[in-house]
Amino acid sequence: MKELVEVITKALVDNPDEVVVTEKQEEKATVVEVHVAESDMGKVIGKQGRIAKAIRSVVKAAAAKEDRKVIVDIAD
């Protein structure tokens, strides 16, 4: 899932070199944290969170295929 989030995020931002995606295993879910440059934060979140919601939907669909639960966290 980390790779999927990384590809999507790098395609959205102006500074793809500053995109850092980390993946942590927790009890019942995998948490994917996304860190981007301050100037790119709005591009990843989108108006009223629409782009962030779309990223989460795509990841949730991919995770459902593998019978996993994945949480995408966009860190500031």
Protein backbone atom coordinates (compact mmCIF):
# COMPACT_ATOMS: atom_id res chain seq x y z
CA MET A 1 0.00 0.00 0.00
CA LYS A 2 2.92 2.31 0.70
CA GLU A 3 3.97 2.24 -2.95
CA LEU A 4 0.44 3.00 -4.17
CA VAL A 5 0.10 6.04 -1.90
CA GLU A 6 3.58 7.23 -2.87
CA VAL A 7 2.86 7.07 -6.62
CA ILE A 8 -0.45 8.89 -6.28
CA THR A 9 0.98 11.60 -4.01
CA LYS A 10 4.08 12.24 -6.11
CA ALA A 11 1.87 12.74 -9.17
CA LEU A 12 -0.10 15.47 -7.37
CA VAL A 13 2.65 17.64 -5.88
CA ASP A 14 5.17 20.16 -7.27
CA ASN A 15 8.04 18.80 -5.13
CA PRO A 16 7.92 14.99 -5.49
CA ASP A 17 11.38 14.68 -3.93
CA GLU A 18 9.98 15.88 -0.59
CA VAL A 19 7.25 13.24 -0.40
CA VAL A 20 7.88 10.77 2.43
CA VAL A 21 5.54 7.84 2.96
CA THR A 22 5.91 5.57 5.97
CA GLU A 23 4.00 2.41 6.81
CA LYS A 24 3.37 1.10 10.33
CA GLN A 25 1.71 -2.12 11.39
CA GLU A 26 -0.73 -1.67 14.24
CA GLU A 27 -3.02 -4.14 15.95
CA LYS A 28 -5.81 -4.41 13.42
CA ALA A 29 -4.72 -2.07 10.64
CA THR A 30 -1.80 -0.74 8.67
CA VAL A 31 -1.24 3.02 9.01
CA VAL A 32 0.27 4.81 6.02
CA GLU A 33 1.57 8.30 6.88
CA VAL A 34 2.17 10.85 4.13
CA HIS A 35 4.48 13.83 4.64
CA VAL A 36 4.73 16.49 1.91
CA ALA A 37 6.25 19.96 1.61
CA GLU A 38 4.28 22.74 3.28
CA SER A 39 3.52 24.34 -0.10
CA ASP A 40 2.08 21.07 -1.46
CA MET A 41 -0.23 20.34 1.47
CA GLY A 42 -3.22 21.97 -0.23
CA LYS A 43 -2.72 19.93 -3.38
CA VAL A 44 -2.80 16.66 -1.46
CA ILE A 45 -5.80 17.60 0.69
CA GLY A 46 -7.82 19.40 -2.00
CA LYS A 47 -10.87 21.59 -1.61
CA GLN A 48 -12.90 20.40 1.37
CA GLY A 49 -10.66 17.31 1.57
CA ARG A 50 -11.88 15.81 -1.70
CA ILE A 51 -8.49 14.67 -2.98
CA ALA A 52 -7.52 13.18 0.39
CA LYS A 53 -10.85 11.36 0.45
CA ALA A 54 -10.25 10.03 -3.07
CA ILE A 55 -6.78 8.76 -2.11
CA ARG A 56 -8.27 6.99 0.91
CA SER A 57 -10.99 5.43 -1.25
CA VAL A 58 -8.49 4.05 -3.77
CA VAL A 59 -6.30 2.62 -0.99
CA LYS A 60 -9.31 1.15 0.79
CA ALA A 61 -10.39 -0.61 -2.41
CA ALA A 62 -6.89 -2.00 -2.99
CA ALA A 63 -6.68 -3.14 0.64
CA ALA A 64 -10.07 -4.85 0.43
CA LYS A 65 -8.73 -7.04 -2.37
CA GLU A 66 -6.05 -8.28 0.03
CA ASP A 67 -8.51 -8.49 2.95
CA ARG A 68 -6.59 -5.85 4.94
CA LYS A 69 -7.47 -2.60 6.64
CA VAL A 70 -5.35 0.43 5.77
CA ILE A 71 -5.58 3.93 7.24
CA VAL A 72 -4.07 6.84 5.29
CA ASP A 73 -2.92 9.72 7.48
CA ILE A 74 -1.79 12.97 5.87
CA ALA A 75 0.55 14.50 8.45
CA ASP A 76 1.18 18.23 8.71
